[in-house]
N, C-alpha and C. Protein backbone atom coordinates (compact mmCIF):
# COMPACT_ATOMS: atom_id res chain seq x y z
N UNK A 1 -13.16 14.07 -37.84
CA UNK A 1 -12.43 14.19 -36.59
C UNK A 1 -11.34 13.12 -36.54
N UNK A 2 -10.18 13.50 -36.01
CA UNK A 2 -9.07 12.55 -35.99
C UNK A 2 -9.26 11.51 -34.90
N UNK A 3 -8.51 10.41 -35.03
CA UNK A 3 -8.60 9.33 -34.06
C UNK A 3 -7.95 9.75 -32.74
N UNK A 4 -8.42 9.15 -31.67
CA UNK A 4 -7.83 9.43 -30.36
C UNK A 4 -6.53 8.64 -30.23
N UNK A 5 -5.47 9.30 -29.81
CA UNK A 5 -4.18 8.63 -29.67
C UNK A 5 -4.10 7.87 -28.36
N UNK A 6 -3.43 6.73 -28.40
CA UNK A 6 -3.17 5.95 -27.20
C UNK A 6 -2.05 6.62 -26.43
N UNK A 7 -2.19 6.71 -25.12
CA UNK A 7 -1.10 7.19 -24.29
C UNK A 7 -0.06 6.09 -24.20
N UNK A 8 1.11 6.30 -24.80
CA UNK A 8 2.10 5.24 -24.94
C UNK A 8 2.67 4.80 -23.60
N UNK A 9 2.78 5.72 -22.66
CA UNK A 9 3.29 5.35 -21.33
C UNK A 9 2.33 4.38 -20.65
N UNK A 10 1.03 4.63 -20.79
CA UNK A 10 0.03 3.75 -20.18
C UNK A 10 -0.02 2.42 -20.91
N UNK A 11 0.14 2.42 -22.23
CA UNK A 11 0.08 1.19 -23.01
C UNK A 11 1.19 0.22 -22.61
N UNK A 12 2.35 0.77 -22.21
CA UNK A 12 3.47 -0.08 -21.80
C UNK A 12 3.27 -0.65 -20.40
N UNK A 13 2.44 0.00 -19.60
CA UNK A 13 2.28 -0.41 -18.20
C UNK A 13 1.04 -1.25 -17.93
N UNK A 14 0.00 -1.07 -18.73
CA UNK A 14 -1.29 -1.71 -18.44
C UNK A 14 -1.74 -2.57 -19.60
N UNK A 15 -2.44 -3.67 -19.28
CA UNK A 15 -3.07 -4.51 -20.30
C UNK A 15 -4.51 -4.76 -19.87
N UNK A 16 -5.42 -4.77 -20.84
CA UNK A 16 -6.83 -5.01 -20.54
C UNK A 16 -7.10 -6.50 -20.69
N UNK A 17 -7.75 -7.10 -19.69
CA UNK A 17 -8.09 -8.52 -19.73
C UNK A 17 -9.32 -8.74 -20.59
N UNK A 18 -9.66 -9.99 -20.82
CA UNK A 18 -10.84 -10.32 -21.63
C UNK A 18 -12.13 -9.83 -21.00
N UNK A 19 -12.16 -9.82 -19.66
CA UNK A 19 -13.38 -9.37 -18.98
C UNK A 19 -13.44 -7.85 -18.83
N UNK A 20 -12.39 -7.15 -19.28
CA UNK A 20 -12.40 -5.69 -19.24
C UNK A 20 -11.68 -5.08 -18.05
N UNK A 21 -11.16 -5.92 -17.15
CA UNK A 21 -10.40 -5.38 -16.04
C UNK A 21 -8.98 -5.06 -16.52
N UNK A 22 -8.23 -4.31 -15.72
CA UNK A 22 -6.90 -3.87 -16.14
C UNK A 22 -5.84 -4.48 -15.25
N UNK A 23 -4.85 -5.12 -15.91
CA UNK A 23 -3.73 -5.72 -15.19
C UNK A 23 -2.58 -4.73 -15.15
N UNK A 24 -1.81 -4.78 -14.06
CA UNK A 24 -0.63 -3.93 -13.94
C UNK A 24 0.47 -4.72 -13.25
N UNK A 25 1.74 -4.43 -13.57
CA UNK A 25 2.83 -5.08 -12.85
C UNK A 25 3.00 -4.45 -11.47
N UNK A 26 3.50 -5.22 -10.53
CA UNK A 26 3.77 -4.68 -9.20
C UNK A 26 5.08 -3.90 -9.23
N UNK A 27 5.13 -2.85 -8.44
CA UNK A 27 6.32 -2.03 -8.40
C UNK A 27 7.38 -2.59 -7.49
N UNK A 28 8.63 -2.18 -7.71
CA UNK A 28 9.71 -2.53 -6.80
C UNK A 28 10.43 -3.81 -7.14
N UNK A 29 10.35 -4.28 -8.39
CA UNK A 29 11.07 -5.51 -8.72
C UNK A 29 11.97 -5.35 -9.94
N UNK A 30 12.58 -4.18 -10.09
CA UNK A 30 13.50 -3.97 -11.20
C UNK A 30 14.94 -4.24 -10.81
N UNK A 31 15.32 -3.92 -9.59
CA UNK A 31 16.71 -4.11 -9.17
C UNK A 31 16.77 -4.23 -7.65
N UNK A 32 17.96 -4.45 -7.11
CA UNK A 32 18.19 -4.59 -5.66
C UNK A 32 17.40 -5.76 -5.08
N UNK A 33 17.38 -6.88 -5.80
CA UNK A 33 16.61 -8.04 -5.34
C UNK A 33 17.28 -8.75 -4.17
N UNK A 34 18.60 -8.64 -4.07
CA UNK A 34 19.32 -9.37 -3.01
C UNK A 34 18.90 -8.88 -1.63
N UNK A 35 18.57 -7.61 -1.52
CA UNK A 35 18.18 -7.07 -0.22
C UNK A 35 16.77 -7.40 0.19
N UNK A 36 15.98 -8.00 -0.71
CA UNK A 36 14.59 -8.31 -0.40
C UNK A 36 14.47 -9.79 -0.02
N UNK A 37 13.54 -10.08 0.85
CA UNK A 37 13.36 -11.46 1.30
C UNK A 37 12.77 -12.30 0.16
N UNK A 38 12.96 -13.62 0.28
CA UNK A 38 12.45 -14.53 -0.74
C UNK A 38 10.94 -14.43 -0.82
N UNK A 39 10.29 -14.27 0.32
CA UNK A 39 8.83 -14.15 0.37
C UNK A 39 8.37 -12.89 -0.39
N UNK A 40 9.10 -11.80 -0.19
CA UNK A 40 8.74 -10.54 -0.85
C UNK A 40 8.94 -10.64 -2.36
N UNK A 41 10.05 -11.26 -2.79
CA UNK A 41 10.29 -11.43 -4.22
C UNK A 41 9.24 -12.31 -4.86
N UNK A 42 8.78 -13.33 -4.17
CA UNK A 42 7.76 -14.22 -4.69
C UNK A 42 6.44 -13.48 -4.88
N UNK A 43 6.11 -12.61 -3.92
CA UNK A 43 4.87 -11.82 -4.02
C UNK A 43 4.93 -10.83 -5.18
N UNK A 44 6.12 -10.35 -5.50
CA UNK A 44 6.27 -9.36 -6.58
C UNK A 44 6.19 -9.98 -7.97
N UNK A 45 6.28 -11.30 -8.07
CA UNK A 45 6.35 -11.96 -9.37
C UNK A 45 5.11 -11.73 -10.23
N UNK A 46 3.94 -11.99 -9.69
CA UNK A 46 2.72 -11.98 -10.49
C UNK A 46 2.20 -10.56 -10.70
N UNK A 47 1.45 -10.40 -11.78
CA UNK A 47 0.80 -9.12 -12.03
C UNK A 47 -0.37 -8.94 -11.07
N UNK A 48 -0.81 -7.72 -10.93
CA UNK A 48 -1.89 -7.38 -10.02
C UNK A 48 -2.98 -6.70 -10.83
N UNK A 49 -4.13 -6.53 -10.24
CA UNK A 49 -5.23 -5.83 -10.91
C UNK A 49 -5.29 -4.38 -10.40
N UNK A 50 -5.69 -3.49 -11.27
CA UNK A 50 -5.88 -2.08 -10.90
C UNK A 50 -7.16 -1.98 -10.07
N UNK A 51 -7.14 -1.10 -9.08
CA UNK A 51 -8.31 -0.90 -8.23
C UNK A 51 -9.48 -0.38 -9.06
N UNK A 52 -10.69 -0.80 -8.73
CA UNK A 52 -11.87 -0.36 -9.51
C UNK A 52 -12.01 1.16 -9.59
N UNK A 53 -11.58 1.88 -8.56
CA UNK A 53 -11.69 3.34 -8.56
C UNK A 53 -10.80 3.98 -9.63
N UNK A 54 -9.71 3.31 -10.00
CA UNK A 54 -8.78 3.87 -10.98
C UNK A 54 -9.00 3.35 -12.40
N UNK A 55 -9.81 2.32 -12.55
CA UNK A 55 -9.97 1.68 -13.86
C UNK A 55 -10.48 2.64 -14.92
N UNK A 56 -11.47 3.44 -14.61
CA UNK A 56 -12.04 4.34 -15.61
C UNK A 56 -11.04 5.38 -16.07
N UNK A 57 -10.18 5.85 -15.13
CA UNK A 57 -9.16 6.84 -15.49
C UNK A 57 -8.16 6.25 -16.47
N UNK A 58 -7.79 4.99 -16.25
CA UNK A 58 -6.79 4.36 -17.10
C UNK A 58 -7.39 4.02 -18.46
N UNK A 59 -8.66 3.64 -18.49
CA UNK A 59 -9.32 3.30 -19.76
C UNK A 59 -9.41 4.50 -20.69
N UNK A 60 -9.41 5.70 -20.13
CA UNK A 60 -9.39 6.91 -20.97
C UNK A 60 -8.07 7.03 -21.73
N UNK A 61 -6.99 6.52 -21.13
CA UNK A 61 -5.67 6.59 -21.76
C UNK A 61 -5.49 5.49 -22.80
N UNK A 62 -6.30 4.42 -22.69
CA UNK A 62 -6.22 3.30 -23.61
C UNK A 62 -7.52 3.23 -24.40
N UNK A 63 -7.61 3.84 -25.56
CA UNK A 63 -8.88 3.90 -26.28
C UNK A 63 -9.38 2.53 -26.72
N UNK A 64 -8.49 1.52 -26.81
CA UNK A 64 -8.94 0.19 -27.20
C UNK A 64 -9.49 -0.58 -26.01
N UNK A 65 -9.38 -0.03 -24.77
CA UNK A 65 -9.73 -0.76 -23.56
C UNK A 65 -11.20 -0.80 -23.27
């Protein structure tokens, strides 16, 4: 049987942490930063964790996860 392929779109968006949780970037910080408040831009900086309800769905797309 052939190997399961990684979903490339998911691989670019998600990373699996050492403990097995999934990190994701926050949306809305690619452009138009001038119109956003400094507080909002600061909140968008760090990565976020995927909700536990969605983790299993995403792990199916990442066979190494």
